[in-house]
Amino acid sequence: MEKTQAVQQQVAAQVPQWSTETLAAYTPTNPVTHELKFEDLKEGDHVYCWRINGLYAHHGIVVHKGETPEETELVEFAPPRGPNGAPEIFDGANAKIRKVNLPKFQKQKHTVRLVMYGVTEREYSFKRAGTTQKEQCGDPKEAVKRAIAVLNGDVPWDAYNVLTNNCEHFAVWCKTG
């Protein structure tokens, strides 16, 4: 019994103490799955949706929060679609940085989730790749500016590569610089 309590105390000591402001700003509706409700979306959020039953995640940056999902805009880096509608992930030359509304980003059905920044090594190691980042993120307004600058061609962006320059890399760069 004493050994169990000692382990519990050690674990409790390693859990970061978050301020009320941090929790209010960065806690998704469901902190385990990172699910967000529409009303909780903010400009500058780095969001993702699982695709093909969780096979991969598609990432984007919220650049405008509208009154409705249809009026809410995200910037994403997406490969072209093939004849069957599936992404052509190895056709990097034709990938586009583009602005889409929230339903198009979600493909009308996928749950929007928030990427968590500044997490501990422990949380990072327990979460699935692409859902958390150990780095601290910058000001949300800067993330929006970076995404718009690339979209407008003011900042060059390399060709899409499924392993080294994909939608997640783009969104992380927007958030961290």
Protein backbone atom coordinates (compact mmCIF):
# COMPACT_ATOMS: atom_id res chain seq x y z
CA MET A 1 0.00 0.00 0.00
CA GLU A 2 2.80 2.43 0.90
CA LYS A 3 4.58 1.61 -2.35
CA THR A 4 1.42 2.42 -4.37
CA GLN A 5 1.01 5.77 -2.60
CA ALA A 6 4.67 6.61 -3.20
CA VAL A 7 4.30 5.91 -6.93
CA GLN A 8 1.11 7.98 -7.06
CA GLN A 9 2.90 10.89 -5.38
CA GLN A 10 5.80 10.64 -7.84
CA VAL A 11 3.43 10.71 -10.79
CA ALA A 12 1.44 13.60 -9.32
CA ALA A 13 4.65 15.60 -8.87
CA GLN A 14 5.44 15.23 -12.59
CA VAL A 15 2.09 16.50 -13.85
CA PRO A 16 2.43 20.16 -14.89
CA GLN A 17 0.33 22.69 -13.01
CA TRP A 18 -1.52 24.76 -15.60
CA SER A 19 -2.84 28.20 -14.86
CA THR A 20 -6.54 28.95 -15.25
CA GLU A 21 -5.70 31.20 -18.24
CA THR A 22 -3.74 28.43 -19.97
CA LEU A 23 -6.51 25.93 -19.43
CA ALA A 24 -9.12 28.36 -20.71
CA ALA A 25 -7.05 29.17 -23.81
CA TYR A 26 -5.76 25.74 -24.74
CA THR A 27 -8.02 23.05 -23.35
CA PRO A 28 -10.13 21.46 -26.05
CA THR A 29 -13.68 20.40 -25.32
CA ASN A 30 -12.32 16.90 -24.67
CA PRO A 31 -8.69 16.95 -23.48
CA VAL A 32 -8.15 13.25 -24.15
CA THR A 33 -9.29 13.24 -27.78
CA HIS A 34 -8.69 16.99 -28.40
CA GLU A 35 -12.20 17.36 -29.87
CA LEU A 36 -13.43 20.93 -30.33
CA LYS A 37 -16.92 22.30 -30.62
CA PHE A 38 -17.46 24.98 -33.26
CA GLU A 39 -17.96 27.68 -30.62
CA ASP A 40 -14.53 26.85 -29.13
CA LEU A 41 -12.60 27.40 -32.38
CA LYS A 42 -10.34 30.45 -32.42
CA GLU A 43 -8.42 32.22 -35.15
CA GLY A 44 -4.87 30.91 -35.17
CA ASP A 45 -5.83 27.43 -33.94
CA HIS A 46 -3.90 24.51 -35.43
CA VAL A 47 -6.59 21.90 -35.98
CA TYR A 48 -6.74 18.45 -37.50
CA CYS A 49 -9.27 15.83 -38.55
CA TRP A 50 -8.66 12.10 -38.72
CA ARG A 51 -9.20 10.68 -42.20
CA ILE A 52 -9.82 7.14 -43.48
CA ASN A 53 -10.79 5.78 -40.06
CA GLY A 54 -7.78 7.29 -38.33
CA LEU A 55 -5.19 6.24 -40.91
CA TYR A 56 -3.84 9.79 -41.06
CA ALA A 57 -4.66 13.30 -39.87
CA HIS A 58 -5.20 16.35 -42.06
CA HIS A 59 -4.01 19.67 -40.54
CA GLY A 60 -4.86 23.32 -41.07
CA ILE A 61 -4.82 26.78 -39.48
CA VAL A 62 -8.04 28.67 -38.66
CA VAL A 63 -7.59 32.09 -40.29
CA HIS A 64 -11.13 33.44 -39.90
CA LYS A 65 -13.80 32.47 -37.37
CA GLY A 66 -17.17 33.18 -38.92
CA GLU A 67 -20.64 33.08 -37.41
CA THR A 68 -21.22 29.67 -38.98
CA PRO A 69 -18.96 26.79 -40.03
CA GLU A 70 -19.55 27.73 -43.67
CA GLU A 71 -18.15 31.23 -42.96
CA THR A 72 -15.14 29.90 -41.02
CA GLU A 73 -11.96 29.68 -43.10
CA LEU A 74 -8.83 27.58 -42.76
CA VAL A 75 -5.60 27.47 -44.72
CA GLU A 76 -4.43 23.96 -45.56
CA PHE A 77 -1.67 22.33 -47.59
CA ALA A 78 -3.29 19.58 -49.60
CA PRO A 79 -2.20 17.22 -52.35
CA PRO A 80 -4.43 16.98 -55.41
CA ARG A 81 -7.30 14.48 -55.47
CA GLY A 82 -7.28 11.48 -57.75
CA PRO A 83 -10.20 10.21 -59.88
CA ASN A 84 -11.61 8.30 -56.89
CA GLY A 85 -11.37 11.36 -54.60
CA ALA A 86 -8.43 10.00 -52.60
CA PRO A 87 -5.43 12.30 -52.04
CA GLU A 88 -2.56 11.74 -54.45
CA ILE A 89 0.06 11.99 -51.69
CA PHE A 90 2.99 11.31 -54.03
CA ASP A 91 2.04 14.11 -56.47
CA GLY A 92 3.78 16.90 -54.57
CA ALA A 93 4.22 19.14 -57.60
CA ASN A 94 0.46 19.72 -57.82
CA ALA A 95 -0.24 20.19 -54.12
CA LYS A 96 -1.74 23.52 -53.12
CA ILE A 97 -1.78 25.85 -50.16
CA ARG A 98 -5.42 26.88 -50.22
CA LYS A 99 -8.20 28.44 -48.21
CA VAL A 100 -11.26 26.30 -47.49
CA ASN A 101 -14.28 26.61 -45.25
CA LEU A 102 -14.69 24.42 -42.19
CA PRO A 103 -17.14 21.90 -43.74
CA LYS A 104 -14.80 21.34 -46.68
CA PHE A 105 -11.85 20.87 -44.31
CA GLN A 106 -13.93 18.37 -42.30
CA LYS A 107 -15.24 16.75 -45.46
CA GLN A 108 -18.69 17.37 -43.88
CA LYS A 109 -18.25 14.66 -41.26
CA HIS A 110 -14.91 14.52 -39.47
CA THR A 111 -14.50 15.85 -35.93
CA VAL A 112 -12.26 18.90 -35.59
CA ARG A 113 -9.49 18.48 -33.02
CA LEU A 114 -6.94 20.89 -31.55
CA VAL A 115 -3.20 20.24 -31.68
CA MET A 116 -1.79 20.86 -28.20
CA TYR A 117 1.48 22.84 -27.94
CA GLY A 118 3.97 23.02 -25.11
CA VAL A 119 3.18 19.56 -23.75
CA THR A 120 5.53 17.61 -21.53
CA GLU A 121 7.80 14.90 -22.87
CA ARG A 122 5.59 12.36 -21.11
CA GLU A 123 2.36 13.56 -22.74
CA TYR A 124 4.10 13.85 -26.11
CA SER A 125 5.27 10.24 -25.90
CA PHE A 126 1.79 8.94 -24.98
CA LYS A 127 -0.17 10.81 -27.66
CA ARG A 128 -0.41 9.83 -31.29
CA ALA A 129 1.99 11.59 -33.65
CA GLY A 130 0.70 14.91 -34.94
CA THR A 131 -1.71 15.58 -32.06
CA THR A 132 0.76 17.32 -29.74
CA GLN A 133 3.93 19.38 -30.02
CA LYS A 134 6.61 19.89 -27.37
CA GLU A 135 7.44 23.34 -28.75
CA GLN A 136 5.65 26.38 -27.42
CA CYS A 137 3.51 28.13 -30.00
CA GLY A 138 3.55 31.83 -30.71
CA ASP A 139 0.81 34.42 -30.85
CA PRO A 140 -2.27 33.12 -32.74
CA LYS A 141 -2.27 36.32 -34.83
CA GLU A 142 1.23 35.45 -36.07
CA ALA A 143 0.03 31.98 -37.09
CA VAL A 144 -2.74 33.58 -39.15
CA LYS A 145 -0.28 36.05 -40.72
CA ARG A 146 2.13 33.26 -41.68
CA ALA A 147 -0.62 31.12 -43.20
CA ILE A 148 -2.00 34.04 -45.22
CA ALA A 149 1.50 35.07 -46.34
CA VAL A 150 2.16 31.62 -47.79
CA LEU A 151 -1.35 31.47 -49.30
CA ASN A 152 -0.80 34.83 -51.04
CA GLY A 153 2.64 33.81 -52.30
CA ASP A 154 4.46 36.42 -50.17
CA VAL A 155 6.41 33.62 -48.47
CA PRO A 156 7.59 30.75 -50.71
CA TRP A 157 6.70 27.20 -49.71
CA ASP A 158 8.39 24.05 -51.01
CA ALA A 159 6.62 21.29 -52.89
CA TYR A 160 4.51 18.82 -50.96
CA ASN A 161 6.27 15.71 -49.70
CA VAL A 162 4.25 13.21 -47.68
CA LEU A 163 7.18 12.60 -45.31
CA THR A 164 9.04 15.92 -45.05
CA ASN A 165 6.72 18.76 -46.11
CA ASN A 166 3.05 18.00 -45.60
CA CYS A 167 0.01 19.71 -44.07
CA GLU A 168 1.23 19.08 -40.52
CA HIS A 169 4.66 20.61 -41.24
CA PHE A 170 2.95 23.67 -42.72
CA ALA A 171 0.62 24.14 -39.73
CA VAL A 172 3.42 23.64 -37.17
CA TRP A 173 5.54 26.24 -39.00
CA CYS A 174 2.61 28.67 -38.93
CA LYS A 175 2.33 28.22 -35.15
CA THR A 176 6.03 28.21 -34.24
CA GLY A 177 7.79 30.13 -37.01
